C-alpha atoms as a PDB file:
ATOM      1  CA  MET A   1       0.000   0.000   0.000  1.00  0.00           C
ATOM      2  CA  ALA A   2       1.256   3.485  -0.865  1.00  0.00           C
ATOM      3  CA  LYS A   3       2.300   5.845   1.889  1.00  0.00           C
ATOM      4  CA  LEU A   4      -0.340   8.438   2.740  1.00  0.00           C
ATOM      5  CA  VAL A   5       0.484  12.094   2.165  1.00  0.00           C
ATOM      6  CA  ASP A   6       1.227  13.797   5.463  1.00  0.00           C
ATOM      7  CA  ASN A   7       2.738  17.039   4.187  1.00  0.00           C
ATOM      8  CA  PRO A   8       0.211  19.921   3.946  1.00  0.00           C
ATOM      9  CA  LYS A   9       1.842  21.412   0.834  1.00  0.00           C
ATOM     10  CA  LEU A  10       1.758  18.083  -0.990  1.00  0.00           C
ATOM     11  CA  ALA A  11      -1.808  17.449   0.176  1.00  0.00           C
ATOM     12  CA  PHE A  12      -2.880  20.850  -1.161  1.00  0.00           C
ATOM     13  CA  ARG A  13      -1.198  20.106  -4.482  1.00  0.00           C
ATOM     14  CA  LEU A  14      -3.085  16.802  -4.644  1.00  0.00           C
ATOM     15  CA  ALA A  15      -6.376  18.556  -3.834  1.00  0.00           C
ATOM     16  CA  ARG A  16      -5.745  21.125  -6.579  1.00  0.00           C
ATOM     17  CA  ALA A  17      -5.055  18.331  -9.085  1.00  0.00           C
ATOM     18  CA  ILE A  18      -8.266  16.537  -8.148  1.00  0.00           C
ATOM     19  CA  ILE A  19     -10.332  19.727  -8.420  1.00  0.00           C
ATOM     20  CA  SER A  20      -8.651  20.593 -11.723  1.00  0.00           C
ATOM     21  CA  ASP A  21      -9.742  17.240 -13.119  1.00  0.00           C
ATOM     22  CA  ILE A  22     -13.290  17.742 -11.863  1.00  0.00           C
ATOM     23  CA  ALA A  23     -13.432  21.191 -13.469  1.00  0.00           C
ATOM     24  CA  LEU A  24     -11.907  19.951 -16.716  1.00  0.00           C
ATOM     25  CA  TYR A  25     -14.302  17.048 -17.161  1.00  0.00           C
ATOM     26  CA  ASN A  26     -17.365  19.032 -16.045  1.00  0.00           C
ATOM     27  CA  GLN A  27     -16.880  22.389 -17.763  1.00  0.00           C
ATOM     28  CA  GLU A  28     -20.558  22.862 -18.594  1.00  0.00           C
ATOM     29  CA  LYS A  29     -21.647  22.041 -15.035  1.00  0.00           C
ATOM     30  CA  VAL A  30     -19.099  24.523 -13.683  1.00  0.00           C
ATOM     31  CA  LYS A  31     -20.290  27.212 -16.098  1.00  0.00           C
ATOM     32  CA  ASP A  32     -23.971  26.577 -15.344  1.00  0.00           C
ATOM     33  CA  GLY A  33     -23.305  26.295 -11.607  1.00  0.00           C
ATOM     34  CA  ILE A  34     -21.574  29.669 -11.538  1.00  0.00           C
ATOM     35  CA  LYS A  35     -24.241  31.317 -13.707  1.00  0.00           C
ATOM     36  CA  ASN A  36     -27.044  29.938 -11.526  1.00  0.00           C
ATOM     37  CA  ASP A  37     -25.212  30.276  -8.185  1.00  0.00           C
ATOM     38  CA  ASN A  38     -25.613  26.562  -7.428  1.00  0.00           C
ATOM     39  CA  ILE A  39     -22.179  25.178  -8.254  1.00  0.00           C
ATOM     40  CA  PHE A  40     -21.946  23.077  -5.098  1.00  0.00           C
ATOM     41  CA  ASP A  41     -25.310  21.472  -5.800  1.00  0.00           C
ATOM     42  CA  ALA A  42     -24.534  21.000  -9.492  1.00  0.00           C
ATOM     43  CA  LEU A  43     -21.235  19.251  -8.713  1.00  0.00           C
ATOM     44  CA  ALA A  44     -22.169  17.603  -5.422  1.00  0.00           C
ATOM     45  CA  GLU A  45     -21.560  14.069  -6.650  1.00  0.00           C
ATOM     46  CA  GLU A  46     -18.263  14.871  -8.356  1.00  0.00           C
ATOM     47  CA  LEU A  47     -16.970  16.889  -5.400  1.00  0.00           C
ATOM     48  CA  GLN A  48     -17.905  14.121  -2.967  1.00  0.00           C
ATOM     49  CA  GLU A  49     -16.128  11.550  -5.126  1.00  0.00           C
ATOM     50  CA  GLY A  50     -13.092  13.842  -5.328  1.00  0.00           C
ATOM     51  CA  ARG A  51     -13.089  14.377  -1.563  1.00  0.00           C
ATOM     52  CA  GLU A  52     -13.242  10.618  -0.959  1.00  0.00           C
ATOM     53  CA  HIS A  53     -10.317  10.105  -3.334  1.00  0.00           C
ATOM     54  CA  PHE A  54      -8.395  12.853  -1.515  1.00  0.00           C
ATOM     55  CA  TYR A  55      -9.146  11.284   1.884  1.00  0.00           C
ATOM     56  CA  GLY A  56      -7.937   7.933   0.588  1.00  0.00           C
ATOM     57  CA  ARG A  57      -4.560   9.444  -0.287  1.00  0.00           C
ATOM     58  CA  VAL A  58      -4.047  11.843   2.660  1.00  0.00           C
ATOM     59  CA  ASP A  59      -3.171  10.883   6.221  1.00  0.00           C
ATOM     60  CA  PRO A  60      -6.211  11.400   8.514  1.00  0.00           C
ATOM     61  CA  ALA A  61      -3.821  12.804  11.130  1.00  0.00           C
ATOM     62  CA  LEU A  62      -3.355  15.851   8.883  1.00  0.00           C
ATOM     63  CA  THR A  63      -5.848  18.010  10.770  1.00  0.00           C
ATOM     64  CA  GLU A  64      -6.266  20.639   8.061  1.00  0.00           C
ATOM     65  CA  ARG A  65      -7.122  18.226   5.254  1.00  0.00           C
ATOM     66  CA  ASP A  66     -10.760  19.409   5.051  1.00  0.00           C
ATOM     67  CA  GLN A  67      -9.665  23.018   4.747  1.00  0.00           C
ATOM     68  CA  LEU A  68      -7.047  22.123   2.123  1.00  0.00           C
ATOM     69  CA  PHE A  69      -9.624  20.443  -0.088  1.00  0.00           C
ATOM     70  CA  ASP A  70     -12.141  23.271   0.347  1.00  0.00           C
ATOM     71  CA  ARG A  71      -9.469  25.889  -0.398  1.00  0.00           C
ATOM     72  CA  ALA A  72      -8.563  24.011  -3.573  1.00  0.00           C
ATOM     73  CA  ILE A  73     -12.199  24.197  -4.707  1.00  0.00           C
ATOM     74  CA  VAL A  74     -12.158  27.963  -4.302  1.00  0.00           C
ATOM     75  CA  ASP A  75      -8.685  28.459  -5.802  1.00  0.00           C
ATOM     76  CA  VAL A  76      -9.107  26.203  -8.791  1.00  0.00           C
ATOM     77  CA  MET A  77     -12.793  26.183  -9.623  1.00  0.00           C
ATOM     78  CA  ILE A  78     -14.360  29.347  -8.232  1.00  0.00           C
ATOM     79  CA  LYS A  79     -11.604  31.916  -8.785  1.00  0.00           C
ATOM     80  CA  GLN A  80     -10.937  30.715 -12.317  1.00  0.00           C
ATOM     81  CA  ALA A  81     -14.632  31.006 -13.115  1.00  0.00           C
ATOM     82  CA  GLY A  82     -14.550  34.749 -12.430  1.00  0.00           C
ATOM     83  CA  LYS A  83     -14.864  35.461 -16.139  1.00  0.00           C
ATOM     84  CA  ILE A  84     -18.243  33.682 -16.307  1.00  0.00           C
ATOM     85  CA  GLU A  85     -21.138  36.112 -16.056  1.00  0.00           C
ATOM     86  CA  SER A  86     -23.028  35.620 -12.848  1.00  0.00           C
ATOM     87  CA  PRO A  87     -25.384  37.625 -10.628  1.00  0.00           C
ATOM     88  CA  ILE A  88     -23.134  36.809  -7.649  1.00  0.00           C
ATOM     89  CA  TRP A  89     -20.314  39.072  -8.937  1.00  0.00           C
END
């Protein structure tokens, strides 16, 4: 079995990669979710699957792992969607 990631910087990099893949393979859902201000509902299944994958690769003793994954969602998916017209910005 592979060693679990216990370094916060590496865990954040992994989270960003997972979120990047989700955004890449679900571009229309991201676009529609931003436009309709329901991105977390629109991608609930994909984000949950991504989070489970992340948890499977990151040491549970890394106390900030939830925050790292959530920050990656904002950094990768939300911030990059700033060019999409939306009533929320």
